């Protein structure tokens, strides 16, 4: 005989829903249900002990049907990730409503949470086996192509690196990407995209951690304390999640002792089981190398060549040379390169006038606001462009574009 098979997801869900309705329809056992304002209007005044009228019967049937639907939507969202938008909308309406209505009894909601966790333990609720992880590579590719402007190299490297890592049956180590370029060129933007398309809750996921050097580790006098906290936080995240994303912004400002706390988590896996069970991606974001990248882009422009002709090998070679120099603010990257922990150096090119216009268009569309081509030009013209003679690159990239469109609102 073969192993016992689990009941079909839908049949199991319906069976549990019936039980929950019986258990939780009136709240927790032994409690008196609160008054239901909508019922008072629909059922009318019925003397105590009197038989139910047709109107009251229809009202009860209506509310039982609505509650069953709510239970099903809640369960489907929790377990199969279906209908979550509708469930969130209805949850918001229930919280905003001043009139108490039919909602989930506490005991029933607890049972749904237990059911969701139990069902996911069999690895059936989603392809990854962990419902927090979605790994939507198709969505990542689409957003990179549609929203990231002027960054043909970053698009190609990030997509290829992440997809290859996730498809590898046993990656030997964590995936480590080092983003470089001027402020406003899209480094944080891409990091957010990766989080959004790999994890259901994006940057809010408990499998994603973001560290900003000057925000989280501002005082060198407390480096030892920071180091212990950082080690504990990374370790807890990796233990909690079979796949984790760790983002370090302003990476060039990381103290050397803090880097010592991070490197063991990026090194080669020490056992086959560790490689099978754990995948982690580290993103280091830095302004280092921005001037080198800009010089290459300017040289191509002066030679009459399109920026899309700039090869990755050329920029990667120059960036690695710059990062390996003895400059104090490149210590972190120098050590990572020396220990061969960085898998890809990802250059972000400076943005030109046409890219700023595209960013302005996206900002208007994101807020559902109308715009004209003239308005997009006005937004782009508000930016400062360098070098002084050529005025080719936006000094701030697209960083302040969403704020600048406020000047053109009616």
Protein backbone atom coordinates (compact mmCIF):
# COMPACT_ATOMS: atom_id res chain seq x y z
CA UNK A 1 0.00 0.00 0.00
CA UNK A 2 1.20 3.44 -0.77
CA UNK A 3 1.42 6.24 1.78
CA UNK A 4 -1.81 7.82 2.91
CA UNK A 5 -2.77 10.81 0.81
CA UNK A 6 -3.82 14.14 2.15
CA UNK A 7 -7.37 15.24 1.34
CA UNK A 8 -7.78 17.63 -1.54
CA UNK A 9 -7.11 21.25 -0.43
CA UNK A 10 -10.59 22.50 -1.29
CA UNK A 11 -12.38 19.55 0.39
CA UNK A 12 -10.29 20.00 3.51
CA UNK A 13 -10.97 23.71 3.54
CA UNK A 14 -14.74 23.25 3.24
CA UNK A 15 -14.80 20.66 6.03
CA UNK A 16 -12.88 22.92 8.37
CA UNK A 17 -15.06 25.90 7.51
CA UNK A 18 -18.21 24.02 8.55
CA UNK A 19 -16.61 23.13 11.88
CA UNK A 20 -15.50 26.70 12.44
CA UNK A 21 -18.96 28.05 11.74
CA UNK A 22 -20.41 25.69 14.32
CA UNK A 23 -17.70 26.47 16.85
CA UNK A 24 -17.31 30.17 16.36
CA UNK A 25 -20.56 31.58 15.09
CA UNK A 26 -21.41 33.17 18.40
CA UNK A 27 -17.93 34.03 19.61
CA UNK A 28 -15.90 32.14 22.21
CA UNK A 29 -17.72 29.39 24.12
CA UNK A 30 -19.56 30.55 27.19
CA UNK A 31 -19.74 34.21 26.09
CA UNK A 32 -22.77 36.27 25.29
CA UNK A 33 -22.74 37.53 21.72
CA UNK A 34 -22.72 41.32 21.33
CA UNK A 35 -25.75 43.02 19.83
CA UNK A 36 -25.76 42.99 16.03
CA UNK A 37 -27.07 46.28 14.75
CA UNK A 38 -27.69 45.15 11.15
CA UNK A 39 -29.94 42.33 12.41
CA UNK A 40 -32.20 44.73 14.30
CA UNK A 41 -33.10 46.41 11.08
CA UNK A 42 -33.62 43.24 9.05
CA UNK A 43 -35.43 40.92 11.44
CA UNK A 44 -37.73 43.45 13.12
CA UNK A 45 -39.18 42.97 16.58
CA UNK A 46 -39.87 39.30 17.34
CA UNK A 47 -41.49 38.36 20.66
CA UNK A 48 -39.43 36.05 22.84
CA UNK A 49 -40.36 32.43 22.18
CA UNK A 50 -42.21 33.24 18.97
CA UNK A 51 -41.46 31.16 15.85
CA UNK A 52 -39.07 32.64 13.32
CA UNK A 53 -40.64 34.59 10.54
CA UNK A 54 -39.62 34.25 6.89
CA UNK A 55 -37.87 37.64 7.09
CA UNK A 56 -35.78 36.61 10.05
CA UNK A 57 -34.90 33.30 8.40
CA UNK A 58 -33.69 35.08 5.26
CA UNK A 59 -31.64 37.51 7.37
CA UNK A 60 -29.91 34.68 9.25
CA UNK A 61 -29.23 32.79 6.01
CA UNK A 62 -27.77 35.94 4.45
CA UNK A 63 -25.39 36.56 7.34
CA UNK A 64 -24.31 32.91 7.60
CA UNK A 65 -23.51 32.97 3.88
CA UNK A 66 -21.50 36.16 4.24
CA UNK A 67 -19.56 34.76 7.20
CA UNK A 68 -18.82 31.53 5.34
CA UNK A 69 -17.51 33.58 2.42
CA UNK A 70 -15.33 35.62 4.76
CA UNK A 71 -13.89 32.46 6.32
CA UNK A 72 -13.14 30.99 2.92
CA UNK A 73 -11.43 34.16 1.67
CA UNK A 74 -9.35 34.37 4.82
CA UNK A 75 -8.30 30.73 4.53
CA UNK A 76 -7.57 30.94 0.80
CA UNK A 77 -5.39 34.01 1.35
CA UNK A 78 -3.51 32.43 4.24
CA UNK A 79 -2.92 29.05 2.67
CA UNK A 80 -3.10 29.35 -1.13
CA UNK A 81 -2.31 33.07 -1.48
CA UNK A 82 -5.53 33.58 -3.45
CA UNK A 83 -7.89 36.52 -3.11
CA UNK A 84 -5.67 38.39 -0.63
CA UNK A 85 -6.52 41.79 -2.10
CA UNK A 86 -10.23 41.21 -1.57
CA UNK A 87 -9.62 39.92 1.96
CA UNK A 88 -7.50 42.97 2.87
CA UNK A 89 -10.17 45.27 1.45
CA UNK A 90 -12.94 43.64 3.45
CA UNK A 91 -10.80 43.59 6.58
CA UNK A 92 -10.27 47.33 6.22
CA UNK A 93 -14.00 47.89 5.76
CA UNK A 94 -14.77 45.85 8.85
CA UNK A 95 -12.26 47.81 10.94
CA UNK A 96 -13.51 51.16 9.65
CA UNK A 97 -17.21 50.40 10.14
CA UNK A 98 -18.73 52.03 13.23
CA UNK A 99 -21.43 49.33 13.37
CA UNK A 100 -20.45 45.92 14.75
CA UNK A 101 -21.27 43.19 12.29
CA UNK A 102 -20.44 39.59 11.62
CA UNK A 103 -16.70 39.04 11.98
CA UNK A 104 -14.35 36.20 12.77
CA UNK A 105 -14.77 34.90 16.32
CA UNK A 106 -11.39 34.88 18.00
CA UNK A 107 -11.37 31.14 18.48
CA UNK A 108 -12.23 30.60 14.81
CA UNK A 109 -9.44 32.89 13.61
CA UNK A 110 -6.97 31.08 15.88
CA UNK A 111 -8.01 27.77 14.33
CA UNK A 112 -7.47 29.21 10.85
CA UNK A 113 -3.95 30.32 11.80
CA UNK A 114 -3.20 26.85 13.16
CA UNK A 115 -4.61 25.23 10.02
CA UNK A 116 -2.52 27.49 7.78
CA UNK A 117 0.69 26.66 9.65
CA UNK A 118 -0.13 22.92 9.68
CA UNK A 119 -0.99 22.83 6.00
CA UNK A 120 2.16 24.72 5.02
CA UNK A 121 4.26 22.29 7.04
CA UNK A 122 3.55 19.73 4.31
CA UNK A 123 4.98 22.07 1.70
CA UNK A 124 1.70 22.16 -0.22
CA UNK A 125 0.60 25.75 0.21
CA UNK A 126 3.09 27.14 -2.30
CA UNK A 127 5.85 25.92 -4.57
CA UNK A 128 8.65 27.11 -2.27
CA UNK A 129 7.28 25.28 0.79
CA UNK A 130 7.27 28.58 2.71
CA UNK A 131 4.33 30.86 2.00
CA UNK A 132 6.43 33.94 2.77
CA UNK A 133 8.59 33.18 -0.26
CA UNK A 134 7.20 33.72 -3.77
CA UNK A 135 10.29 33.97 -6.03
CA UNK A 136 8.44 35.69 -8.85
CA UNK A 137 11.26 35.98 -11.38
CA UNK A 138 8.84 36.86 -14.19
CA UNK A 139 7.53 39.81 -12.16
CA UNK A 140 11.06 40.92 -11.29
CA UNK A 141 12.06 40.89 -14.95
CA UNK A 142 8.95 42.84 -15.96
CA UNK A 143 9.48 45.54 -13.33
CA UNK A 144 13.18 45.86 -14.12
CA UNK A 145 12.34 46.33 -17.80
CA UNK A 146 9.46 48.73 -17.18
CA UNK A 147 10.59 50.82 -14.22
CA UNK A 148 14.41 50.86 -14.16
CA UNK A 149 15.66 53.36 -16.73
CA UNK A 150 19.12 53.70 -18.24
CA UNK A 151 20.56 50.65 -16.47
CA UNK A 152 21.00 47.91 -19.05
CA UNK A 153 23.93 46.41 -17.16
CA UNK A 154 22.26 46.33 -13.75
CA UNK A 155 19.10 44.78 -15.23
CA UNK A 156 21.00 41.96 -16.89
CA UNK A 157 23.34 41.18 -13.99
CA UNK A 158 20.74 41.24 -11.23
CA UNK A 159 18.22 39.13 -13.12
CA UNK A 160 20.79 36.57 -14.25
CA UNK A 161 22.42 36.33 -10.82
CA UNK A 162 19.21 36.00 -8.80
CA UNK A 163 17.55 33.58 -11.21
CA UNK A 164 20.63 31.36 -11.43
CA UNK A 165 21.02 31.31 -7.67
CA UNK A 166 17.40 30.37 -7.00
CA UNK A 167 17.43 27.67 -9.67
CA UNK A 168 20.62 26.08 -8.38
CA UNK A 169 19.79 22.86 -6.49
CA UNK A 170 22.64 23.34 -3.98
CA UNK A 171 24.30 26.78 -4.09
CA UNK A 172 27.73 26.48 -2.45
CA UNK A 173 27.46 29.85 -0.70
CA UNK A 174 25.27 32.87 -0.25
CA UNK A 175 24.71 35.11 -3.28
CA UNK A 176 26.54 38.41 -2.75
CA UNK A 177 25.91 41.38 -5.05
CA UNK A 178 27.69 44.70 -4.69
CA UNK A 179 25.79 47.70 -6.16
CA UNK A 180 27.84 50.76 -7.14
CA UNK A 181 26.95 54.16 -8.56
CA UNK A 182 25.93 57.71 -7.80
CA UNK A 183 23.05 58.50 -5.53
CA UNK A 184 19.65 58.31 -7.27
CA UNK A 185 20.68 55.90 -10.01
CA UNK A 186 18.48 53.04 -8.75
CA UNK A 187 20.43 50.95 -6.23
CA UNK A 188 17.80 51.09 -3.48
CA UNK A 189 15.08 50.88 -6.11
CA UNK A 190 16.42 47.55 -7.39
CA UNK A 191 16.93 46.23 -3.86
CA UNK A 192 13.25 46.94 -3.17
CA UNK A 193 12.27 45.17 -6.41
CA UNK A 194 14.22 42.07 -5.39
CA UNK A 195 12.51 42.03 -1.99
CA UNK A 196 9.07 42.61 -3.51
CA UNK A 197 9.31 39.78 -6.04
CA UNK A 198 11.06 37.20 -3.87
CA UNK A 199 8.97 37.67 -0.73
CA UNK A 200 5.23 38.04 -0.30
CA UNK A 201 5.56 40.98 2.10
CA UNK A 202 8.51 42.65 0.36
CA UNK A 203 10.67 44.77 2.64
CA UNK A 204 8.20 44.13 5.48
CA UNK A 205 8.85 40.38 5.39
CA UNK A 206 10.43 38.85 8.46
CA UNK A 207 12.84 37.16 6.03
CA UNK A 208 14.21 40.52 4.84
CA UNK A 209 16.52 42.72 6.90
CA UNK A 210 17.75 46.18 5.91
CA UNK A 211 20.74 47.79 7.65
CA UNK A 212 21.80 51.39 7.01
CA UNK A 213 25.31 51.99 8.31
CA UNK A 214 24.92 55.50 9.71
CA UNK A 215 21.43 54.75 11.06
CA UNK A 216 21.98 51.38 12.71
CA UNK A 217 25.69 51.65 13.56
CA UNK A 218 26.34 55.39 14.08
CA UNK A 219 28.90 55.34 16.94
CA UNK A 220 32.26 53.62 16.68
CA UNK A 221 32.47 53.44 20.47
CA UNK A 222 29.70 50.84 20.45
CA UNK A 223 31.04 48.65 17.67
CA UNK A 224 31.35 45.58 19.90
CA UNK A 225 27.72 45.92 20.92
CA UNK A 226 26.66 46.46 17.29
CA UNK A 227 28.65 43.39 16.25
CA UNK A 228 26.91 41.12 18.77
CA UNK A 229 23.48 42.48 17.80
CA UNK A 230 24.19 42.13 14.09
CA UNK A 231 25.37 38.54 14.45
CA UNK A 232 22.30 37.65 16.48
CA UNK A 233 19.88 39.33 14.07
CA UNK A 234 21.37 37.67 10.98
CA UNK A 235 21.52 34.29 12.69
CA UNK A 236 17.90 34.52 13.85
CA UNK A 237 16.76 35.53 10.36
CA UNK A 238 18.59 32.64 8.70
CA UNK A 239 17.22 30.17 11.25
CA UNK A 240 13.69 31.49 10.83
CA UNK A 241 13.69 31.53 7.02
CA UNK A 242 14.87 28.96 4.52
CA UNK A 243 15.53 31.91 2.19
CA UNK A 244 16.59 35.35 3.41
CA UNK A 245 17.53 38.72 1.93
CA UNK A 246 19.93 41.02 3.79
CA UNK A 247 20.53 44.54 2.49
CA UNK A 248 23.36 46.78 3.67
CA UNK A 249 23.00 50.40 2.56
CA UNK A 250 25.95 52.82 2.75
CA UNK A 251 28.13 49.71 2.84
CA UNK A 252 31.32 51.72 2.44
CA UNK A 253 30.76 53.08 5.96
CA UNK A 254 30.61 49.66 7.63
CA UNK A 255 33.21 49.31 10.38
CA UNK A 256 35.72 46.51 9.84
CA UNK A 257 34.58 44.66 12.99
CA UNK A 258 31.02 44.65 11.69
CA UNK A 259 32.19 43.16 8.43
CA UNK A 260 33.90 40.42 10.42
CA UNK A 261 30.49 39.61 11.91
CA UNK A 262 28.88 39.31 8.47
CA UNK A 263 31.47 37.35 6.46
CA UNK A 264 30.88 33.92 8.07
CA UNK A 265 27.28 34.00 6.84
CA UNK A 266 28.42 34.61 3.26
CA UNK A 267 31.15 31.99 3.12
CA UNK A 268 31.04 28.50 1.65
CA UNK A 269 28.46 26.20 3.23
CA UNK A 270 30.15 23.78 5.60
CA UNK A 271 27.72 20.91 5.11
CA UNK A 272 25.45 19.43 2.46
CA UNK A 273 22.42 19.89 4.72
CA UNK A 274 23.17 23.59 5.11
CA UNK A 275 23.33 24.01 1.33
CA UNK A 276 20.03 22.17 0.90
CA UNK A 277 18.09 24.03 3.56
CA UNK A 278 19.36 27.59 3.48
CA UNK A 279 19.60 30.24 0.80
CA UNK A 280 20.59 33.80 1.56
CA UNK A 281 21.18 36.82 -0.64
CA UNK A 282 23.33 39.75 0.49
CA UNK A 283 23.11 43.13 -1.24
CA UNK A 284 25.74 45.78 -0.51
CA UNK A 285 24.80 49.28 -1.73
CA UNK A 286 27.51 51.90 -2.07
CA UNK A 287 28.34 55.19 -3.78
CA UNK A 288 31.92 53.99 -4.19
CA UNK A 289 33.04 53.74 -7.79
CA UNK A 290 30.44 56.25 -8.96
CA UNK A 291 33.03 58.60 -10.44
CA UNK A 292 34.79 55.76 -12.25
CA UNK A 293 31.50 54.61 -13.77
CA UNK A 294 30.68 58.16 -14.82
CA UNK A 295 34.06 58.64 -16.49
CA UNK A 296 33.54 55.55 -18.62
CA UNK A 297 30.02 56.68 -19.58
CA UNK A 298 31.32 60.16 -20.46
CA UNK A 299 34.14 58.73 -22.57
CA UNK A 300 31.65 56.66 -24.58
CA UNK A 301 29.42 59.71 -25.08
CA UNK A 302 32.33 61.84 -26.27
CA UNK A 303 33.33 59.08 -28.68
CA UNK A 304 29.81 59.13 -30.14
CA UNK A 305 28.97 55.66 -28.81
CA UNK A 306 25.72 54.66 -27.14
CA UNK A 307 25.80 53.93 -23.44
CA UNK A 308 24.26 50.52 -24.19
CA UNK A 309 27.57 49.60 -25.84
CA UNK A 310 29.41 49.85 -22.50
CA UNK A 311 30.48 46.27 -21.65
CA UNK A 312 30.15 44.90 -18.14
CA UNK A 313 33.68 43.52 -18.22
CA UNK A 314 35.18 46.99 -18.69
CA UNK A 315 33.33 48.55 -15.75
CA UNK A 316 33.75 45.53 -13.49
CA UNK A 317 37.50 45.50 -14.03
CA UNK A 318 37.87 49.22 -13.25
CA UNK A 319 35.59 48.99 -10.21
CA UNK A 320 37.50 46.07 -8.74
CA UNK A 321 40.77 47.92 -9.17
CA UNK A 322 39.38 51.00 -7.44
CA UNK A 323 37.86 49.03 -4.57
CA UNK A 324 41.10 47.17 -3.92
CA UNK A 325 43.02 50.39 -3.36
CA UNK A 326 44.04 51.33 0.16
CA UNK A 327 41.47 54.08 0.60
CA UNK A 328 39.97 53.97 4.08
CA UNK A 329 36.38 54.10 2.94
CA UNK A 330 36.77 51.04 0.70
CA UNK A 331 37.90 48.66 3.44
CA UNK A 332 34.68 46.66 3.49
CA UNK A 333 34.63 46.01 -0.24
CA UNK A 334 38.37 45.39 -0.34
CA UNK A 335 38.05 42.65 2.26
CA UNK A 336 35.04 41.10 0.54
CA UNK A 337 36.91 41.04 -2.76
CA UNK A 338 40.06 39.65 -1.16
CA UNK A 339 38.09 36.78 0.36
CA UNK A 340 36.27 36.24 -2.96
CA UNK A 341 32.86 36.69 -1.36
CA UNK A 342 31.43 39.15 -3.90
CA UNK A 343 29.88 37.23 -6.77
CA UNK A 344 28.92 40.20 -8.98
CA UNK A 345 29.90 43.85 -9.00
CA UNK A 346 26.85 45.66 -10.36
CA UNK A 347 27.47 49.12 -11.90
CA UNK A 348 24.69 51.72 -12.04
CA UNK A 349 25.29 54.26 -14.81
CA UNK A 350 24.61 57.99 -14.39
CA UNK A 351 21.18 59.06 -15.62
CA UNK A 352 20.68 61.43 -18.54
CA UNK A 353 17.90 63.89 -19.37
CA UNK A 354 15.66 61.33 -21.09
CA UNK A 355 15.90 59.00 -18.10
CA UNK A 356 14.81 61.75 -15.70
CA UNK A 357 11.77 62.40 -17.91
CA UNK A 358 10.86 58.71 -17.68
CA UNK A 359 11.20 58.83 -13.90
CA UNK A 360 8.88 61.85 -13.85
CA UNK A 361 6.35 60.02 -16.00
CA UNK A 362 6.44 57.04 -13.64
CA UNK A 363 5.94 59.33 -10.64
CA UNK A 364 2.83 60.88 -12.19
CA UNK A 365 1.43 57.47 -13.14
CA UNK A 366 2.11 56.03 -9.69
CA UNK A 367 -0.09 58.73 -8.16
CA UNK A 368 -2.73 58.56 -10.87
CA UNK A 369 -2.07 62.13 -11.95
CA UNK A 370 -2.35 63.55 -15.47
CA UNK A 371 0.74 64.95 -17.19
CA UNK A 372 1.90 66.38 -20.48
CA UNK A 373 5.18 66.07 -22.35
CA UNK A 374 5.84 69.71 -21.50
CA UNK A 375 5.38 68.94 -17.80
CA UNK A 376 7.90 66.12 -17.99
CA UNK A 377 10.40 68.53 -19.57
CA UNK A 378 9.78 71.05 -16.81
CA UNK A 379 10.47 68.46 -14.13
CA UNK A 380 13.68 67.34 -15.84
CA UNK A 381 14.85 70.92 -16.27
CA UNK A 382 14.62 71.46 -12.52
CA UNK A 383 17.47 68.99 -11.97
CA UNK A 384 21.17 69.90 -11.93
CA UNK A 385 23.20 68.32 -14.72
CA UNK A 386 26.95 67.75 -14.82
CA UNK A 387 29.74 68.08 -15.99
CA UNK A 388 29.58 71.84 -16.20
CA UNK A 389 30.34 71.93 -19.92
CA UNK A 390 28.35 68.97 -21.21
CA UNK A 391 25.49 69.02 -18.66
CA UNK A 392 24.92 65.35 -19.47
CA UNK A 393 24.24 63.53 -16.19
CA UNK A 394 21.72 64.31 -13.47
CA UNK A 395 23.69 65.03 -10.29
CA UNK A 396 20.94 63.46 -8.16
CA UNK A 397 19.76 60.88 -10.62
CA UNK A 398 16.00 60.45 -10.13
CA UNK A 399 16.16 60.71 -6.36
CA UNK A 400 14.09 63.87 -5.87
CA UNK A 401 11.80 63.52 -8.89
CA UNK A 402 8.73 62.22 -6.97
CA UNK A 403 8.89 65.27 -4.71
CA UNK A 404 9.41 67.73 -7.55
CA UNK A 405 6.20 66.80 -9.33
CA UNK A 406 4.34 68.39 -6.41
CA UNK A 407 5.16 71.77 -7.97
CA UNK A 408 2.94 70.92 -10.91
CA UNK A 409 -0.13 69.73 -9.07
CA UNK A 410 -3.29 71.85 -9.49
